[in-house]
Amino acid sequence: GVGDDVELGGFGTIRDDPTVVLRVKPGERLDPPPPSLNLRLRGTSFDRYREGRWSRTHVAGEELRRHRNRYTIFRPAEAGDEKYEIILDPMDEQVLFLPEGAVAVRVPPAIRGGRNRYRAIVRAPGLDVRYRGRVDGPLTYAAFVAEEKRGFSDPIPSALANRYLEVPGGYERVTALAREVAAGGPNPQAQAQLLERYLRAGGKFRYTLEQPDTRGKDPLHVFLFEAKAGHCEYFSTAMAMMARSLGLPARNVTGFLGADYNPYGDYYAVRNGHAHSWVEVYIDGRWLTFDPTPASGQVFAVPSGLAVKMRQVMDALRVRWSEYVVEYNIRDQAQALKGFIAWYRSLRGN
């Protein structure tokens, strides 16, 4: 669910992939550290839904303003912001995964030819924050998070105004259900909350990694009116389509939810199995996050056992090697080269 598109349907069981793809070091540390964090890392958003598949409308983004190695998303980082250090393994999509409420990022430059080469960080409509340039190993960056994390102001560009309200043809039954569920809501936020509660806590739907059989049928109709069970992408798709049918701009968002503490590396590891999707609804000029997936599908049990410990040790060693051998040597050599050049120029000046 963190690729360039999201597709419902299929048949069978989704596997919980233990591969670590992100490591997070929160600025505020507890002693002792909790075994897991209910951390939401936003990746990318999708505006178009057709025939069981979400995709993104590609609209040109803009490079974020940079002061040295700090980039402004909404505003410059301030003293009261919480800092999260993140170590990201390269993926097919060059997305910077950011905690909710992130206002700025710090991304170190790459070293090319003994010089700092600052990366271009681009924010595209849909609040997709991506980096440019080659990455040879894990990318380390920092996110600065504001204390107020509830929603963010990001006006809808004209190119996406219709996309965020688009509902496929043949969804009259979905629209009727949305109106029934949200009938008691006096305002858009209350209506969105009723939709979220209906899917998440109404007792009618069940989270499962067993995909419903949708062959020859519309996946969303199967989920809402037949199986009433599915994984997070079914829940987020259902809420997004129901919100749109009420005239509420909505989009599907993918990223990661949850992180497990690695005591050997002193960081929180995010696995592929933490991949998650949720919904953002545009209300009163702000995008608000709603997560209609039942709690059983949001926070998984912390893995344990000898095999898990061995994977933790190996991942911690890999991170240490990258931080203190590969990156350190490159930067140390670059610094030494700069010093040598300065020394050589001073000799020539004499």
Protein backbone atom coordinates (compact mmCIF):
# COMPACT_ATOMS: atom_id res chain seq x y z
CA GLY A 1 0.00 0.00 0.00
CA VAL A 2 2.94 2.45 -0.28
CA GLY A 3 3.50 2.26 -4.02
CA ASP A 4 2.32 4.46 -6.88
CA ASP A 5 -1.17 2.96 -6.79
CA VAL A 6 -3.44 0.91 -4.53
CA GLU A 7 -5.59 -1.90 -5.90
CA LEU A 8 -8.41 -3.71 -4.12
CA GLY A 9 -9.64 -7.12 -5.09
CA GLY A 10 -7.53 -10.22 -5.40
CA PHE A 11 -8.14 -13.37 -3.44
CA GLY A 12 -6.21 -15.05 -0.65
CA THR A 13 -4.29 -14.00 2.45
CA ILE A 14 -2.01 -10.99 2.84
CA ARG A 15 1.21 -11.86 4.64
CA ASP A 16 2.66 -9.77 7.47
CA ASP A 17 6.09 -8.89 6.04
CA PRO A 18 8.72 -8.52 8.86
CA THR A 19 11.20 -6.60 6.68
CA VAL A 20 12.28 -3.35 8.37
CA VAL A 21 12.04 -0.33 6.05
CA LEU A 22 12.20 2.60 8.50
CA ARG A 23 13.81 3.35 11.85
CA VAL A 24 12.62 6.21 14.04
CA LYS A 25 14.26 7.95 16.99
CA PRO A 26 11.74 10.25 18.74
CA GLY A 27 13.11 13.41 20.30
CA GLU A 28 11.14 12.83 23.49
CA ARG A 29 12.36 9.55 24.98
CA LEU A 30 10.75 7.67 27.83
CA ASP A 31 12.68 5.58 30.35
CA PRO A 32 12.16 2.71 30.02
CA PRO A 33 11.16 2.96 26.36
CA PRO A 34 7.73 1.45 25.58
CA PRO A 35 7.85 -1.72 23.46
CA SER A 36 5.86 -0.07 20.66
CA LEU A 37 4.65 3.32 19.47
CA ASN A 38 1.33 4.13 17.84
CA LEU A 39 3.21 6.30 15.36
CA ARG A 40 1.56 7.35 12.08
CA LEU A 41 3.98 8.08 9.23
CA ARG A 42 2.31 9.69 6.23
CA GLY A 43 3.57 8.71 2.81
CA THR A 44 1.45 9.60 -0.21
CA SER A 45 -2.16 10.28 -1.13
CA PHE A 46 -4.46 9.15 -3.93
CA ASP A 47 -7.26 11.15 -5.50
CA ARG A 48 -8.69 8.96 -8.28
CA TYR A 49 -10.64 5.75 -7.72
CA ARG A 50 -11.75 3.63 -10.66
CA GLU A 51 -12.69 -0.06 -10.86
CA GLY A 52 -11.18 -0.96 -7.50
CA ARG A 53 -7.93 0.94 -8.02
CA TRP A 54 -6.58 4.16 -6.52
CA SER A 55 -4.13 6.28 -8.50
CA ARG A 56 -2.62 9.75 -8.31
CA THR A 57 -3.20 12.62 -10.69
CA HIS A 58 0.32 13.78 -11.54
CA VAL A 59 0.47 17.53 -11.01
CA ALA A 60 3.83 19.30 -10.98
CA GLY A 61 5.08 20.07 -7.51
CA GLU A 62 7.36 22.78 -6.22
CA GLU A 63 10.74 22.62 -4.56
CA LEU A 64 10.66 23.41 -0.85
CA ARG A 65 12.54 26.45 0.34
CA ARG A 66 15.90 25.48 1.81
CA HIS A 67 18.12 27.14 4.40
CA ARG A 68 21.29 25.06 4.47
CA ASN A 69 19.97 21.54 5.02
CA ARG A 70 16.53 22.50 6.41
CA TYR A 71 13.46 22.56 4.20
CA THR A 72 10.17 24.31 4.97
CA ILE A 73 6.95 22.35 4.41
CA PHE A 74 4.56 24.73 6.20
CA ARG A 75 6.89 26.90 8.29
CA PRO A 76 10.50 26.83 9.54
CA ALA A 77 11.28 24.60 12.50
CA GLU A 78 10.95 26.26 15.91
CA ALA A 79 12.40 25.57 19.34
CA GLY A 80 9.19 23.97 20.66
CA ASP A 81 8.83 21.46 17.83
CA GLU A 82 9.44 17.79 18.51
CA LYS A 83 12.17 16.22 16.39
CA TYR A 84 12.07 12.73 14.94
CA GLU A 85 15.20 11.23 13.40
CA ILE A 86 14.30 8.81 10.62
CA ILE A 87 16.43 6.27 8.75
CA LEU A 88 14.72 5.21 5.53
CA ASP A 89 15.70 2.36 3.26
CA PRO A 90 15.40 3.35 -0.42
CA MET A 91 12.08 2.38 -2.03
CA ASP A 92 10.75 2.46 -5.57
CA GLU A 93 8.91 5.67 -4.70
CA GLN A 94 11.20 8.46 -3.44
CA VAL A 95 8.83 9.46 -0.63
CA LEU A 96 9.83 11.05 2.66
CA PHE A 97 7.60 9.45 5.29
CA LEU A 98 6.67 12.08 7.86
CA PRO A 99 4.93 12.02 11.26
CA GLU A 100 1.60 13.78 11.60
CA GLY A 101 2.07 17.49 12.16
CA ALA A 102 5.46 17.74 10.39
CA VAL A 103 6.18 21.35 9.43
CA ALA A 104 9.79 21.09 8.24
CA VAL A 105 12.50 18.55 7.49
CA ARG A 106 16.27 18.42 7.69
CA VAL A 107 17.94 16.36 4.98
CA PRO A 108 21.74 16.09 4.90
CA PRO A 109 23.46 16.73 1.59
CA ALA A 110 24.98 13.99 -0.50
CA ILE A 111 28.76 14.04 -0.94
CA ARG A 112 29.82 14.15 -4.58
CA GLY A 113 33.38 14.95 -5.62
CA GLY A 114 34.23 16.07 -2.10
CA ARG A 115 31.43 18.64 -2.08
CA ASN A 116 28.06 18.93 -0.41
CA ARG A 117 25.29 18.38 -2.93
CA TYR A 118 22.01 19.50 -1.39
CA ARG A 119 18.98 17.53 -2.46
CA ALA A 120 15.90 18.96 -4.08
CA ILE A 121 12.89 18.21 -1.87
CA VAL A 122 9.60 18.58 -3.72
CA ARG A 123 6.07 18.93 -2.37
CA ALA A 124 3.39 17.95 -4.86
CA PRO A 125 -0.38 18.54 -4.49
CA GLY A 126 -1.79 15.99 -2.10
CA LEU A 127 1.05 16.82 0.31
CA ASP A 128 3.38 14.29 -1.27
CA VAL A 129 6.89 15.17 -0.08
CA ARG A 130 9.59 13.51 -2.16
CA TYR A 131 13.33 13.72 -2.57
CA ARG A 132 15.37 13.78 -5.74
CA GLY A 133 18.76 12.34 -6.45
CA ARG A 134 20.47 9.01 -6.08
CA VAL A 135 20.51 7.21 -2.75
CA ASP A 136 23.18 4.54 -2.31
CA GLY A 137 22.10 3.41 1.15
CA PRO A 138 19.72 4.30 3.96
CA LEU A 139 18.65 7.96 3.90
CA THR A 140 18.79 9.70 7.26
CA TYR A 141 16.66 12.79 7.82
CA ALA A 142 14.84 14.60 10.61
CA ALA A 143 11.22 15.75 10.80
CA PHE A 144 10.12 18.65 12.99
CA VAL A 145 6.58 18.25 14.33
CA ALA A 146 4.37 21.02 15.68
CA GLU A 147 2.65 20.59 19.03
CA GLU A 148 -0.77 21.08 17.38
CA LYS A 149 -1.18 18.08 15.09
CA ARG A 150 -4.91 18.07 14.39
CA GLY A 151 -5.27 18.71 10.68
CA PHE A 152 -3.36 21.08 8.41
CA SER A 153 -4.22 23.89 6.04
CA ASP A 154 -3.37 23.02 2.45
CA PRO A 155 -5.78 24.49 -0.15
CA ILE A 156 -7.07 22.18 -2.86
CA PRO A 157 -5.53 23.05 -6.25
CA SER A 158 -8.01 23.58 -9.08
CA ALA A 159 -6.61 20.58 -10.95
CA LEU A 160 -7.76 18.26 -8.13
CA ALA A 161 -11.00 19.97 -7.03
CA ASN A 162 -13.22 17.58 -9.00
CA ARG A 163 -11.03 14.56 -8.29
CA TYR A 164 -11.60 14.79 -4.53
CA LEU A 165 -15.37 14.66 -5.07
CA GLU A 166 -15.43 12.04 -7.83
CA VAL A 167 -17.58 8.94 -7.23
CA PRO A 168 -17.69 6.15 -9.85
CA GLY A 169 -20.93 5.44 -11.65
CA GLY A 170 -23.08 2.69 -10.22
CA TYR A 171 -22.41 3.68 -6.62
CA GLU A 172 -25.97 4.73 -5.81
CA ARG A 173 -26.21 2.10 -3.09
CA VAL A 174 -23.02 3.41 -1.47
CA THR A 175 -24.40 6.94 -1.56
CA ALA A 176 -27.68 5.84 0.02
CA LEU A 177 -25.78 4.09 2.83
CA ALA A 178 -23.63 7.17 3.45
CA ARG A 179 -26.68 9.39 3.74
CA GLU A 180 -28.33 6.98 6.13
CA VAL A 181 -25.25 6.71 8.36
CA ALA A 182 -24.52 10.46 8.44
CA ALA A 183 -28.15 11.59 8.71
CA GLY A 184 -27.73 12.81 12.30
CA GLY A 185 -24.60 14.86 11.64
CA PRO A 186 -25.26 18.61 12.01
CA ASN A 187 -22.06 19.62 10.17
CA PRO A 188 -19.39 18.11 7.87
CA GLN A 189 -17.04 17.10 10.71
CA ALA A 190 -19.83 15.33 12.59
CA GLN A 191 -20.86 13.54 9.39
CA ALA A 192 -17.29 12.35 8.79
CA GLN A 193 -17.07 11.14 12.38
CA LEU A 194 -20.30 9.17 11.96
CA LEU A 195 -18.92 7.47 8.85
CA GLU A 196 -15.68 6.63 10.66
CA ARG A 197 -17.55 5.25 13.68
CA TYR A 198 -19.89 3.16 11.53
CA LEU A 199 -16.98 1.37 9.84
CA ARG A 200 -14.61 1.22 12.79
CA ALA A 201 -16.71 0.67 15.87
CA GLY A 202 -20.24 -0.12 14.75
CA GLY A 203 -19.76 -3.86 15.12
CA LYS A 204 -20.84 -4.54 11.54
CA PHE A 205 -17.39 -4.89 9.98
CA ARG A 206 -14.39 -7.04 10.80
CA TYR A 207 -10.71 -6.54 10.07
CA THR A 208 -8.95 -9.48 8.44
CA LEU A 209 -5.95 -10.18 6.23
CA GLU A 210 -8.10 -12.69 4.36
CA GLN A 211 -9.14 -10.88 1.21
CA PRO A 212 -12.81 -11.31 0.20
CA ASP A 213 -13.46 -13.03 -3.11
CA THR A 214 -14.29 -10.16 -5.47
CA ARG A 215 -13.81 -11.94 -8.79
CA GLY A 216 -16.30 -10.57 -11.29
CA LYS A 217 -17.72 -8.08 -8.76
CA ASP A 218 -17.04 -4.55 -7.59
CA PRO A 219 -14.65 -4.84 -4.59
CA LEU A 220 -16.23 -2.03 -2.57
CA HIS A 221 -19.75 -3.42 -2.96
CA VAL A 222 -18.52 -6.84 -1.85
CA PHE A 223 -16.90 -5.30 1.22
CA LEU A 224 -19.82 -3.06 2.28
CA PHE A 225 -22.77 -5.32 1.51
CA GLU A 226 -21.56 -8.91 1.40
CA ALA A 227 -18.29 -9.86 3.13
CA LYS A 228 -18.24 -6.93 5.60
CA ALA A 229 -14.64 -7.88 6.31
CA GLY A 230 -11.33 -6.83 4.81
CA HIS A 231 -8.02 -5.10 5.38
CA CYS A 232 -7.33 -1.39 5.90
CA GLU A 233 -7.53 -0.42 2.23
CA TYR A 234 -11.14 -1.60 2.08
CA PHE A 235 -12.05 0.46 5.15
CA SER A 236 -10.31 3.63 3.92
CA THR A 237 -11.77 3.27 0.43
CA ALA A 238 -15.26 2.81 1.84
CA MET A 239 -15.03 5.94 3.98
CA ALA A 240 -13.49 8.04 1.21
CA MET A 241 -16.24 7.11 -1.26
CA MET A 242 -18.98 7.58 1.32
CA ALA A 243 -17.60 11.01 2.28
CA ARG A 244 -17.41 12.08 -1.35
CA SER A 245 -20.99 10.99 -1.94
CA LEU A 246 -21.97 13.50 0.78
CA GLY A 247 -20.07 16.28 -0.96
CA LEU A 248 -17.04 16.13 1.35
CA PRO A 249 -13.66 16.29 -0.48
CA ALA A 250 -11.71 13.20 0.55
CA ARG A 251 -8.61 11.25 -0.42
CA ASN A 252 -7.02 7.92 0.41
CA VAL A 253 -3.65 8.12 2.19
CA THR A 254 -1.02 5.43 2.63
CA GLY A 255 1.95 5.17 4.93
CA PHE A 256 2.82 3.26 8.09
CA LEU A 257 1.17 2.90 11.48
CA GLY A 258 3.06 1.54 14.47
CA ALA A 259 6.71 0.89 15.33
CA ASP A 260 8.48 -1.66 17.56
CA TYR A 261 11.42 -0.86 19.82
CA ASN A 262 14.78 -2.36 18.89
CA PRO A 263 16.85 -2.45 22.12
CA TYR A 264 20.06 -3.28 20.24
CA GLY A 265 19.88 -0.16 18.10
CA ASP A 266 17.88 2.10 20.47
CA TYR A 267 15.33 3.03 17.81
CA TYR A 268 11.82 2.08 16.76
CA ALA A 269 11.62 -0.19 13.73
CA VAL A 270 8.85 0.10 11.16
CA ARG A 271 8.18 -3.06 9.17
CA ASN A 272 6.52 -3.59 5.81
CA GLY A 273 3.79 -5.22 7.87
CA HIS A 274 3.07 -1.79 9.43
CA ALA A 275 1.88 -0.46 6.06
CA HIS A 276 -1.52 1.16 6.51
CA SER A 277 -4.07 3.36 4.76
CA TRP A 278 -6.49 5.94 6.12
CA VAL A 279 -8.56 8.92 4.97
CA GLU A 280 -8.18 12.70 4.92
CA VAL A 281 -11.31 14.85 4.59
CA TYR A 282 -11.24 18.57 3.74
CA ILE A 283 -13.36 20.41 6.32
CA ASP A 284 -13.43 24.17 6.97
CA GLY A 285 -10.19 24.74 5.08
CA ARG A 286 -8.20 21.98 6.80
CA TRP A 287 -7.42 18.36 5.99
CA LEU A 288 -8.43 16.18 8.93
CA THR A 289 -7.29 12.58 9.44
CA PHE A 290 -9.84 9.81 9.95
CA ASP A 291 -8.99 6.14 10.40
CA PRO A 292 -12.02 3.88 9.88
CA THR A 293 -10.08 0.61 10.30
CA PRO A 294 -11.06 -1.21 13.54
CA ALA A 295 -8.48 -1.05 16.30
CA SER A 296 -7.63 -4.73 15.83
CA GLY A 297 -6.23 -3.86 12.41
CA GLN A 298 -4.25 -0.81 13.53
CA VAL A 299 -1.93 -2.00 16.28
CA PHE A 300 -0.35 -5.41 15.95
CA ALA A 301 1.20 -7.41 18.78
CA VAL A 302 4.89 -6.76 19.28
CA PRO A 303 6.77 -9.69 17.71
CA SER A 304 8.96 -11.79 19.98
CA GLY A 305 11.11 -14.90 19.96
CA LEU A 306 14.67 -15.83 19.05
CA ALA A 307 14.22 -15.23 15.33
CA VAL A 308 12.90 -11.73 16.02
CA LYS A 309 15.86 -10.95 18.29
CA MET A 310 18.30 -12.13 15.63
CA ARG A 311 16.60 -9.89 13.05
CA GLN A 312 16.83 -6.98 15.49
CA VAL A 313 20.55 -7.57 16.06
CA MET A 314 21.26 -7.81 12.33
CA ASP A 315 19.27 -4.66 11.56
CA ALA A 316 21.02 -2.74 14.35
CA LEU A 317 24.41 -3.83 12.99
CA ARG A 318 23.38 -2.77 9.50
CA VAL A 319 22.37 0.68 10.73
CA ARG A 320 25.60 1.06 12.72
CA TRP A 321 27.67 0.07 9.69
CA SER A 322 25.88 2.62 7.54
CA GLU A 323 26.15 5.42 10.10
CA TYR A 324 29.66 4.90 11.42
CA VAL A 325 31.52 3.26 8.56
CA VAL A 326 30.00 4.06 5.18
CA GLU A 327 28.62 7.56 5.75
CA TYR A 328 31.27 8.53 8.28
CA ASN A 329 34.14 7.55 6.04
CA ILE A 330 32.69 9.38 3.05
CA ARG A 331 32.17 12.56 5.02
CA ASP A 332 35.50 12.22 6.82
CA GLN A 333 37.32 11.75 3.53
CA ALA A 334 35.50 14.71 2.01
CA GLN A 335 36.43 16.89 4.99
CA ALA A 336 40.03 15.76 4.75
CA LEU A 337 40.09 16.56 1.03
CA LYS A 338 38.75 20.05 1.70
CA GLY A 339 41.47 20.54 4.32
CA PHE A 340 44.16 19.34 1.92
CA ILE A 341 42.95 21.71 -0.82
CA ALA A 342 42.95 24.63 1.59
CA TRP A 343 46.46 23.70 2.76
CA TYR A 344 47.69 23.37 -0.84
CA ARG A 345 46.25 26.76 -1.77
CA SER A 346 47.93 28.32 1.23
CA LEU A 347 51.27 26.93 0.07
CA ARG A 348 50.78 28.39 -3.38
CA GLY A 349 49.91 31.72 -1.82
CA ASN A 350 53.24 31.72 -0.02
